[in-house]
Amino acid sequence: MREIGALLGCDASTISRTLQTKKTRRGGKCMTAIMLTRTDSRRDRARFYKLDVQPTLFGECSLVRERGRIGRAGTVRIETYRSRGVADIAMAENWVRKLKRGYR
C-alpha cells in the first residue's frame, strides 16, 4: 500500500478510504475496484473508467479495465499478472494516469 501511495502522492489511509474492497467467500482474498468519472458539461461528455483486480482460476491476478460513456456498456480490457502485488502496481499506475487526465 505504501508503494501505491508513493505513486499517487498520498498516504495509505486515503487510499484505503477510496478503494471499494469486497471479501470473497473462498480464502478471504480481497478484490479491489476503483470507479472514476469525468464529466464536462460544455462538451456534453460523461465518461467512466473502472479498475478492478481479480484472481484467476490459475492462481494469477488480472487487472480488469472498463471504460466508456456513463449509462452505456463499456469496453473491457483484461491484463493478467503473475502476482497480486504486480497487478496492484499496474492498477495504481493506471489510476495515476487517469487522475492526470481529469478523472475523479
N, C-alpha and C. Protein backbone atom coordinates (compact mmCIF):
# COMPACT_ATOMS: atom_id res chain seq x y z
N MET A 1 0.82 -1.19 0.00
CA MET A 1 0.00 0.00 0.00
C MET A 1 0.87 1.25 0.00
N ARG A 2 2.04 1.17 0.62
CA ARG A 2 2.94 2.33 0.63
C ARG A 2 3.44 2.66 -0.76
N GLU A 3 3.73 1.60 -1.55
CA GLU A 3 4.21 1.84 -2.92
C GLU A 3 3.15 2.56 -3.75
N ILE A 4 1.90 2.15 -3.58
CA ILE A 4 0.81 2.79 -4.30
C ILE A 4 0.65 4.23 -3.83
N GLY A 5 0.78 4.45 -2.53
CA GLY A 5 0.70 5.81 -2.00
C GLY A 5 1.79 6.70 -2.54
N ALA A 6 2.98 6.13 -2.72
CA ALA A 6 4.09 6.92 -3.28
C ALA A 6 3.79 7.31 -4.73
N LEU A 7 3.18 6.40 -5.49
CA LEU A 7 2.83 6.71 -6.87
C LEU A 7 1.77 7.81 -6.95
N LEU A 8 0.80 7.76 -6.01
CA LEU A 8 -0.30 8.72 -6.04
C LEU A 8 0.02 10.01 -5.29
N GLY A 9 1.05 9.99 -4.47
CA GLY A 9 1.41 11.17 -3.69
C GLY A 9 0.50 11.39 -2.49
N CYS A 10 0.01 10.29 -1.88
CA CYS A 10 -0.83 10.42 -0.69
C CYS A 10 -0.53 9.25 0.25
N ASP A 11 -1.15 9.26 1.44
CA ASP A 11 -0.86 8.22 2.43
C ASP A 11 -1.79 7.01 2.26
N ALA A 12 -1.48 5.94 2.95
CA ALA A 12 -2.21 4.69 2.81
C ALA A 12 -3.65 4.80 3.30
N SER A 13 -3.93 5.62 4.32
CA SER A 13 -5.30 5.74 4.82
C SER A 13 -6.21 6.38 3.79
N THR A 14 -5.71 7.34 3.03
CA THR A 14 -6.50 7.96 1.98
C THR A 14 -6.84 6.95 0.90
N ILE A 15 -5.88 6.12 0.54
CA ILE A 15 -6.12 5.10 -0.48
C ILE A 15 -7.13 4.09 0.02
N SER A 16 -7.03 3.66 1.27
CA SER A 16 -7.95 2.67 1.82
C SER A 16 -9.38 3.17 1.81
N ARG A 17 -9.57 4.45 2.08
CA ARG A 17 -10.93 5.01 2.06
C ARG A 17 -11.47 5.09 0.65
N THR A 18 -10.62 5.30 -0.34
CA THR A 18 -11.05 5.46 -1.72
C THR A 18 -11.42 4.13 -2.36
N LEU A 19 -10.67 3.08 -2.04
CA LEU A 19 -10.89 1.77 -2.64
C LEU A 19 -12.15 1.13 -2.09
N GLN A 20 -12.90 0.48 -2.98
CA GLN A 20 -14.06 -0.30 -2.57
C GLN A 20 -13.58 -1.73 -2.44
N THR A 21 -13.53 -2.27 -1.22
CA THR A 21 -12.98 -3.61 -1.02
C THR A 21 -14.10 -4.58 -0.71
N LYS A 22 -14.06 -5.75 -1.37
CA LYS A 22 -15.05 -6.79 -1.15
C LYS A 22 -14.33 -8.06 -0.74
N LYS A 23 -14.85 -8.77 0.23
CA LYS A 23 -14.27 -10.06 0.64
C LYS A 23 -14.95 -11.17 -0.16
N THR A 24 -14.17 -12.13 -0.61
CA THR A 24 -14.73 -13.28 -1.30
C THR A 24 -15.04 -14.36 -0.29
N ARG A 25 -15.83 -15.33 -0.66
CA ARG A 25 -16.20 -16.40 0.27
C ARG A 25 -15.09 -17.43 0.43
N ARG A 26 -14.30 -17.62 -0.59
CA ARG A 26 -13.24 -18.64 -0.52
C ARG A 26 -11.90 -17.99 -0.25
N GLY A 27 -11.26 -18.40 0.79
CA GLY A 27 -9.91 -17.95 1.07
C GLY A 27 -9.80 -16.56 1.65
N GLY A 28 -10.88 -15.80 1.69
CA GLY A 28 -10.86 -14.47 2.28
C GLY A 28 -10.03 -13.45 1.52
N LYS A 29 -9.69 -13.72 0.26
CA LYS A 29 -8.90 -12.76 -0.51
C LYS A 29 -9.76 -11.56 -0.85
N CYS A 30 -9.12 -10.41 -0.95
CA CYS A 30 -9.85 -9.19 -1.25
C CYS A 30 -9.74 -8.85 -2.73
N MET A 31 -10.82 -8.37 -3.28
CA MET A 31 -10.81 -7.82 -4.63
C MET A 31 -11.03 -6.31 -4.48
N THR A 32 -10.40 -5.54 -5.29
CA THR A 32 -10.46 -4.10 -5.18
C THR A 32 -10.99 -3.50 -6.46
N ALA A 33 -11.90 -2.54 -6.34
CA ALA A 33 -12.43 -1.87 -7.53
C ALA A 33 -12.33 -0.36 -7.33
N ILE A 34 -11.91 0.33 -8.38
CA ILE A 34 -11.85 1.79 -8.36
C ILE A 34 -12.72 2.29 -9.50
N MET A 35 -13.67 3.16 -9.18
CA MET A 35 -14.56 3.73 -10.19
C MET A 35 -14.25 5.21 -10.32
N LEU A 36 -13.87 5.65 -11.51
CA LEU A 36 -13.55 7.05 -11.77
C LEU A 36 -14.52 7.59 -12.81
N THR A 37 -14.84 8.87 -12.69
CA THR A 37 -15.72 9.51 -13.67
C THR A 37 -15.12 10.84 -14.11
N ARG A 38 -15.50 11.25 -15.30
CA ARG A 38 -15.08 12.55 -15.82
C ARG A 38 -16.26 13.14 -16.58
N THR A 39 -16.70 14.30 -16.15
CA THR A 39 -17.81 14.96 -16.82
C THR A 39 -17.39 16.36 -17.25
N ASP A 40 -17.86 16.75 -18.41
CA ASP A 40 -17.61 18.08 -18.95
C ASP A 40 -18.90 18.54 -19.62
N SER A 41 -19.66 19.41 -18.96
CA SER A 41 -20.96 19.83 -19.49
C SER A 41 -20.82 20.69 -20.74
N ARG A 42 -19.72 21.42 -20.86
CA ARG A 42 -19.53 22.25 -22.06
C ARG A 42 -19.39 21.40 -23.32
N ARG A 43 -18.75 20.25 -23.19
CA ARG A 43 -18.55 19.36 -24.33
C ARG A 43 -19.57 18.22 -24.37
N ASP A 44 -20.53 18.23 -23.43
CA ASP A 44 -21.53 17.17 -23.32
C ASP A 44 -20.84 15.80 -23.23
N ARG A 45 -19.87 15.70 -22.30
CA ARG A 45 -19.07 14.50 -22.15
C ARG A 45 -19.24 13.96 -20.73
N ALA A 46 -19.58 12.68 -20.63
CA ALA A 46 -19.66 12.00 -19.33
C ALA A 46 -19.08 10.61 -19.52
N ARG A 47 -17.92 10.37 -18.94
CA ARG A 47 -17.18 9.12 -19.13
C ARG A 47 -16.92 8.44 -17.78
N PHE A 48 -16.73 7.13 -17.82
CA PHE A 48 -16.34 6.40 -16.62
C PHE A 48 -15.14 5.53 -16.95
N TYR A 49 -14.41 5.17 -15.92
CA TYR A 49 -13.25 4.28 -16.03
C TYR A 49 -13.21 3.45 -14.76
N LYS A 50 -13.25 2.14 -14.90
CA LYS A 50 -13.26 1.25 -13.74
C LYS A 50 -12.02 0.37 -13.78
N LEU A 51 -11.33 0.28 -12.65
CA LEU A 51 -10.16 -0.59 -12.49
C LEU A 51 -10.50 -1.62 -11.43
N ASP A 52 -10.20 -2.87 -11.70
CA ASP A 52 -10.54 -3.94 -10.77
C ASP A 52 -9.48 -5.03 -10.85
N VAL A 53 -8.98 -5.49 -9.72
CA VAL A 53 -8.03 -6.62 -9.67
C VAL A 53 -8.80 -7.84 -9.19
N GLN A 54 -8.75 -8.91 -10.00
CA GLN A 54 -9.49 -10.13 -9.68
C GLN A 54 -8.58 -11.35 -9.82
N PRO A 55 -8.76 -12.34 -8.95
CA PRO A 55 -7.96 -13.57 -9.08
C PRO A 55 -8.44 -14.40 -10.27
N THR A 56 -7.51 -15.13 -10.88
CA THR A 56 -7.87 -16.04 -11.97
C THR A 56 -7.98 -17.46 -11.42
N LEU A 57 -8.41 -18.37 -12.25
CA LEU A 57 -8.53 -19.77 -11.84
C LEU A 57 -7.17 -20.46 -11.70
N PHE A 58 -6.12 -19.85 -12.25
CA PHE A 58 -4.81 -20.47 -12.26
C PHE A 58 -3.85 -19.86 -11.25
N GLY A 59 -4.36 -19.12 -10.26
CA GLY A 59 -3.53 -18.57 -9.21
C GLY A 59 -2.87 -17.24 -9.55
N GLU A 60 -3.18 -16.67 -10.70
CA GLU A 60 -2.64 -15.37 -11.07
C GLU A 60 -3.68 -14.31 -10.74
N CYS A 61 -3.37 -13.06 -11.05
CA CYS A 61 -4.32 -11.97 -10.85
C CYS A 61 -4.48 -11.20 -12.15
N SER A 62 -5.69 -10.75 -12.41
CA SER A 62 -5.97 -9.98 -13.62
C SER A 62 -6.37 -8.56 -13.25
N LEU A 63 -5.88 -7.61 -14.03
CA LEU A 63 -6.33 -6.23 -13.93
C LEU A 63 -7.39 -6.05 -15.00
N VAL A 64 -8.61 -5.78 -14.57
CA VAL A 64 -9.74 -5.60 -15.48
C VAL A 64 -10.00 -4.10 -15.59
N ARG A 65 -9.89 -3.58 -16.82
CA ARG A 65 -10.13 -2.16 -17.07
C ARG A 65 -11.36 -2.02 -17.94
N GLU A 66 -12.30 -1.20 -17.50
CA GLU A 66 -13.51 -0.95 -18.27
C GLU A 66 -13.68 0.54 -18.44
N ARG A 67 -13.99 0.99 -19.66
CA ARG A 67 -14.17 2.41 -19.90
C ARG A 67 -15.31 2.62 -20.87
N GLY A 68 -15.92 3.81 -20.81
CA GLY A 68 -17.00 4.12 -21.73
C GLY A 68 -17.78 5.33 -21.28
N ARG A 69 -18.92 5.54 -21.92
CA ARG A 69 -19.82 6.64 -21.56
C ARG A 69 -20.69 6.20 -20.38
N ILE A 70 -20.97 7.14 -19.49
CA ILE A 70 -21.83 6.84 -18.35
C ILE A 70 -23.23 6.52 -18.87
N GLY A 71 -23.79 5.42 -18.39
CA GLY A 71 -25.11 4.98 -18.82
C GLY A 71 -25.09 4.00 -19.98
N ARG A 72 -23.93 3.67 -20.51
CA ARG A 72 -23.78 2.73 -21.62
C ARG A 72 -22.86 1.59 -21.20
N ALA A 73 -22.90 0.52 -21.96
CA ALA A 73 -21.96 -0.58 -21.73
C ALA A 73 -20.57 -0.13 -22.15
N GLY A 74 -19.57 -0.51 -21.38
CA GLY A 74 -18.21 -0.08 -21.66
C GLY A 74 -17.38 -1.14 -22.36
N THR A 75 -16.19 -0.74 -22.75
CA THR A 75 -15.21 -1.64 -23.35
C THR A 75 -14.36 -2.23 -22.24
N VAL A 76 -14.14 -3.54 -22.26
CA VAL A 76 -13.39 -4.22 -21.20
C VAL A 76 -12.06 -4.73 -21.75
N ARG A 77 -11.01 -4.47 -21.01
CA ARG A 77 -9.67 -4.98 -21.33
C ARG A 77 -9.16 -5.73 -20.10
N ILE A 78 -8.55 -6.88 -20.31
CA ILE A 78 -8.05 -7.70 -19.20
C ILE A 78 -6.56 -7.96 -19.41
N GLU A 79 -5.77 -7.65 -18.37
CA GLU A 79 -4.33 -7.92 -18.37
C GLU A 79 -4.04 -8.86 -17.21
N THR A 80 -3.32 -9.95 -17.46
CA THR A 80 -3.03 -10.94 -16.43
C THR A 80 -1.60 -10.78 -15.94
N TYR A 81 -1.43 -10.87 -14.61
CA TYR A 81 -0.13 -10.73 -13.96
C TYR A 81 0.12 -11.95 -13.07
N ARG A 82 1.39 -12.27 -12.82
CA ARG A 82 1.75 -13.45 -12.03
C ARG A 82 1.41 -13.31 -10.55
N SER A 83 1.42 -12.09 -10.01
CA SER A 83 1.14 -11.92 -8.58
C SER A 83 0.21 -10.74 -8.34
N ARG A 84 -0.37 -10.74 -7.16
CA ARG A 84 -1.29 -9.66 -6.76
C ARG A 84 -0.54 -8.34 -6.64
N GLY A 85 0.68 -8.37 -6.16
CA GLY A 85 1.46 -7.14 -5.99
C GLY A 85 1.73 -6.44 -7.30
N VAL A 86 2.09 -7.20 -8.31
CA VAL A 86 2.36 -6.61 -9.63
C VAL A 86 1.06 -6.05 -10.23
N ALA A 87 -0.05 -6.76 -10.04
CA ALA A 87 -1.35 -6.28 -10.54
C ALA A 87 -1.76 -4.99 -9.83
N ASP A 88 -1.50 -4.92 -8.52
CA ASP A 88 -1.83 -3.69 -7.77
C ASP A 88 -1.01 -2.50 -8.25
N ILE A 89 0.25 -2.73 -8.55
CA ILE A 89 1.10 -1.65 -9.04
C ILE A 89 0.62 -1.18 -10.42
N ALA A 90 0.24 -2.12 -11.28
CA ALA A 90 -0.29 -1.76 -12.60
C ALA A 90 -1.60 -0.98 -12.45
N MET A 91 -2.44 -1.38 -11.47
CA MET A 91 -3.69 -0.65 -11.23
C MET A 91 -3.40 0.77 -10.76
N ALA A 92 -2.43 0.93 -9.87
CA ALA A 92 -2.08 2.26 -9.36
C ALA A 92 -1.53 3.14 -10.47
N GLU A 93 -0.72 2.58 -11.36
CA GLU A 93 -0.18 3.36 -12.48
C GLU A 93 -1.29 3.84 -13.40
N ASN A 94 -2.27 2.97 -13.68
CA ASN A 94 -3.41 3.37 -14.50
C ASN A 94 -4.25 4.41 -13.78
N TRP A 95 -4.41 4.27 -12.46
CA TRP A 95 -5.16 5.22 -11.65
C TRP A 95 -4.52 6.61 -11.73
N VAL A 96 -3.22 6.68 -11.56
CA VAL A 96 -2.49 7.96 -11.62
C VAL A 96 -2.66 8.58 -13.01
N ARG A 97 -2.53 7.77 -14.04
CA ARG A 97 -2.67 8.27 -15.42
C ARG A 97 -4.05 8.89 -15.65
N LYS A 98 -5.08 8.24 -15.13
CA LYS A 98 -6.44 8.76 -15.31
C LYS A 98 -6.71 9.99 -14.46
N LEU A 99 -6.12 10.06 -13.25
CA LEU A 99 -6.27 11.27 -12.44
C LEU A 99 -5.65 12.48 -13.14
N LYS A 100 -4.54 12.27 -13.81
CA LYS A 100 -3.90 13.36 -14.55
C LYS A 100 -4.73 13.82 -15.73
N ARG A 101 -5.59 12.93 -16.26
CA ARG A 101 -6.43 13.28 -17.39
C ARG A 101 -7.76 13.88 -16.96
N GLY A 102 -7.98 14.06 -15.66
CA GLY A 102 -9.19 14.75 -15.19
C GLY A 102 -10.25 13.87 -14.60
N TYR A 103 -10.00 12.57 -14.48
CA TYR A 103 -10.98 11.68 -13.84
C TYR A 103 -10.93 11.88 -12.34
N ARG A 104 -12.07 11.76 -11.68
CA ARG A 104 -12.15 11.91 -10.22
C ARG A 104 -12.98 10.79 -9.65
